[in-house]
Amino acid sequence: MLLKELKGWSGLKVTVLHNGPCPTSRDCGACNEIGSEFSIVSDKNIIEEKGKDTQRLKAQGAKEVLWLKAKPEGLREGLKKAIAKFSAKGGSAYGGKGPRGIIIESNSALKYLKPDLAIFVKGHRREKNSAQLAFKKADLVITL
């Protein structure tokens, strides 16, 4: 809902890939093998796949949405490259201007980024290990 109020903002979904069993016990396919340390997905068919976080970011009003899939050792560089893509070439989705801001859906990104505002949304599901770091660095915690 936040993106509906933040006109001209974009969204970045970050997935840190795991070796071994899925920590969320779901088979979403995100952790399938990639050929490098990270991959930045911009394909509209993937971004707008029903029920995915990227589709929700787009539906809520994000001008552009990217999905960063990174191995733990590629997360820092992947974040740098993904964020740079939003303003690359003048940000074609913005008529030559980059986004006014970027909503980043990620716990792990807080290892490497110092956002202007970090909001942690605490639900009733089992929290991932990365949630502990995000909780400590959050400026605002919302419990659902």
Protein backbone atom coordinates (compact mmCIF):
# COMPACT_ATOMS: atom_id res chain seq x y z
CA MET A 1 0.00 0.00 0.00
CA LEU A 2 2.92 2.32 0.60
CA LEU A 3 3.75 2.47 -3.11
CA LYS A 4 0.30 3.84 -3.90
CA GLU A 5 1.26 6.97 -1.97
CA LEU A 6 4.83 7.18 -3.27
CA LYS A 7 4.27 8.27 -6.87
CA GLY A 8 7.22 7.70 -9.17
CA TRP A 9 8.94 5.15 -6.92
CA SER A 10 10.21 1.76 -8.04
CA GLY A 11 10.49 -1.62 -6.32
CA LEU A 12 13.29 -4.14 -5.89
CA LYS A 13 12.62 -7.65 -4.64
CA VAL A 14 15.75 -9.35 -3.27
CA THR A 15 16.05 -13.11 -2.89
CA VAL A 16 19.15 -14.64 -1.36
CA LEU A 17 19.60 -18.11 -2.79
CA HIS A 18 20.16 -21.06 -0.49
CA ASN A 19 22.02 -24.31 -0.74
CA GLY A 20 20.17 -27.24 0.70
CA PRO A 21 16.58 -27.26 1.95
CA CYS A 22 14.48 -24.13 1.63
CA PRO A 23 14.39 -22.16 4.90
CA THR A 24 10.74 -21.30 4.30
CA SER A 25 9.77 -24.89 3.36
CA ARG A 26 8.23 -23.69 0.10
CA ASP A 27 9.21 -24.69 -3.42
CA CYS A 28 8.93 -21.34 -5.20
CA GLY A 29 11.78 -22.07 -7.60
CA ALA A 30 13.73 -18.96 -6.62
CA CYS A 31 16.74 -20.91 -5.42
CA ASN A 32 17.16 -22.77 -8.69
CA GLU A 33 20.73 -22.75 -9.92
CA ILE A 34 22.01 -19.55 -11.53
CA GLY A 35 25.23 -19.36 -13.51
CA SER A 36 26.79 -16.43 -11.66
CA GLU A 37 26.84 -14.89 -8.21
CA PHE A 38 23.67 -12.90 -8.95
CA SER A 39 20.99 -12.37 -11.56
CA ILE A 40 18.80 -9.31 -12.11
CA VAL A 41 15.40 -10.19 -13.54
CA SER A 42 13.46 -7.56 -15.47
CA ASP A 43 11.39 -9.80 -17.78
CA LYS A 44 7.81 -8.52 -17.59
CA ASN A 45 6.34 -12.05 -17.71
CA ILE A 46 8.33 -13.06 -14.64
CA ILE A 47 7.90 -9.76 -12.77
CA GLU A 48 4.12 -9.79 -13.26
CA GLU A 49 3.60 -13.48 -12.42
CA LYS A 50 0.46 -13.71 -10.31
CA GLY A 51 1.01 -14.24 -6.58
CA LYS A 52 4.67 -13.23 -6.56
CA ASP A 53 6.14 -10.38 -4.50
CA THR A 54 7.29 -8.66 -7.69
CA GLN A 55 3.74 -8.67 -9.06
CA ARG A 56 2.45 -7.17 -5.80
CA LEU A 57 5.04 -4.36 -5.99
CA LYS A 58 3.95 -3.60 -9.56
CA ALA A 59 0.23 -3.81 -8.70
CA GLN A 60 0.71 -1.37 -5.81
CA GLY A 61 2.05 1.29 -8.18
CA ALA A 62 5.79 0.77 -8.63
CA LYS A 63 6.89 2.38 -11.89
CA GLU A 64 9.46 -0.33 -12.48
CA VAL A 65 10.20 -3.56 -10.62
CA LEU A 66 13.36 -5.64 -10.68
CA TRP A 67 14.10 -8.94 -8.96
CA LEU A 68 17.61 -9.59 -7.68
CA LYS A 69 18.45 -13.24 -7.08
CA ALA A 70 21.86 -13.54 -5.43
CA LYS A 71 24.06 -16.09 -3.80
CA PRO A 72 25.20 -14.84 -0.39
CA GLU A 73 28.66 -14.01 -1.76
CA GLY A 74 27.14 -12.01 -4.65
CA LEU A 75 24.59 -9.99 -2.69
CA ARG A 76 26.68 -6.82 -2.21
CA GLU A 77 27.62 -6.53 -5.88
CA GLY A 78 24.13 -7.56 -7.02
CA LEU A 79 22.54 -4.80 -4.93
CA LYS A 80 24.91 -2.23 -6.39
CA LYS A 81 24.16 -3.32 -9.98
CA ALA A 82 20.40 -3.62 -9.45
CA ILE A 83 20.06 -0.19 -7.88
CA ALA A 84 22.17 1.32 -10.69
CA LYS A 85 19.80 -0.22 -13.28
CA PHE A 86 16.92 1.94 -12.07
CA SER A 87 18.61 5.12 -13.23
CA ALA A 88 20.64 3.64 -16.11
CA LYS A 89 19.94 5.26 -19.48
CA GLY A 90 17.92 7.95 -17.75
CA GLY A 91 15.31 5.50 -16.51
CA SER A 92 13.23 4.91 -19.63
CA ALA A 93 10.11 4.17 -17.58
CA TYR A 94 10.30 7.71 -16.17
CA GLY A 95 10.59 9.79 -19.32
CA GLY A 96 14.35 10.21 -18.93
CA LYS A 97 14.43 10.46 -15.15
CA GLY A 98 15.25 7.82 -12.59
CA PRO A 99 12.77 6.91 -9.85
CA ARG A 100 12.07 9.28 -6.98
CA GLY A 101 12.99 6.42 -4.64
CA ILE A 102 13.16 2.66 -4.38
CA ILE A 103 11.26 0.35 -2.04
CA ILE A 104 13.49 -2.67 -1.40
CA GLU A 105 11.78 -5.80 -0.11
CA SER A 106 14.57 -7.61 1.69
CA ASN A 107 15.99 -8.40 5.09
CA SER A 108 19.45 -9.32 3.83
CA ALA A 109 20.01 -6.07 1.93
CA LEU A 110 20.43 -4.31 5.27
CA LYS A 111 23.84 -5.99 5.60
CA TYR A 112 25.12 -3.66 2.88
CA LEU A 113 22.69 -0.76 2.59
CA LYS A 114 21.88 2.13 4.90
CA PRO A 115 18.43 3.23 3.76
CA ASP A 116 16.81 6.52 4.68
CA LEU A 117 14.06 4.48 6.36
CA ALA A 118 13.95 0.77 7.22
CA ILE A 119 10.55 -0.71 8.02
CA PHE A 120 10.32 -4.25 9.38
CA VAL A 121 6.95 -5.94 8.98
CA LYS A 122 6.59 -8.72 11.52
CA GLY A 123 4.05 -11.39 10.75
CA HIS A 124 3.06 -14.60 12.45
CA ARG A 125 5.11 -16.88 10.19
CA ARG A 126 8.42 -18.37 11.20
CA GLU A 127 11.06 -15.70 10.75
CA LYS A 128 14.15 -16.24 8.64
CA ASN A 129 17.60 -15.77 10.19
CA SER A 130 18.02 -12.56 8.19
CA ALA A 131 14.99 -11.13 10.00
CA GLN A 132 17.00 -10.76 13.21
CA LEU A 133 19.40 -8.31 11.53
CA ALA A 134 16.54 -6.42 9.88
CA PHE A 135 14.66 -6.16 13.16
CA LYS A 136 17.72 -4.64 14.87
CA LYS A 137 18.31 -2.11 12.08
CA ALA A 138 14.67 -1.13 11.56
CA ASP A 139 13.52 2.42 12.21
CA LEU A 140 9.92 1.23 12.46
CA VAL A 141 8.47 -2.20 13.30
CA ILE A 142 4.93 -3.06 12.25
CA THR A 143 3.29 -6.21 13.61
CA LEU A 144 0.49 -7.78 11.58
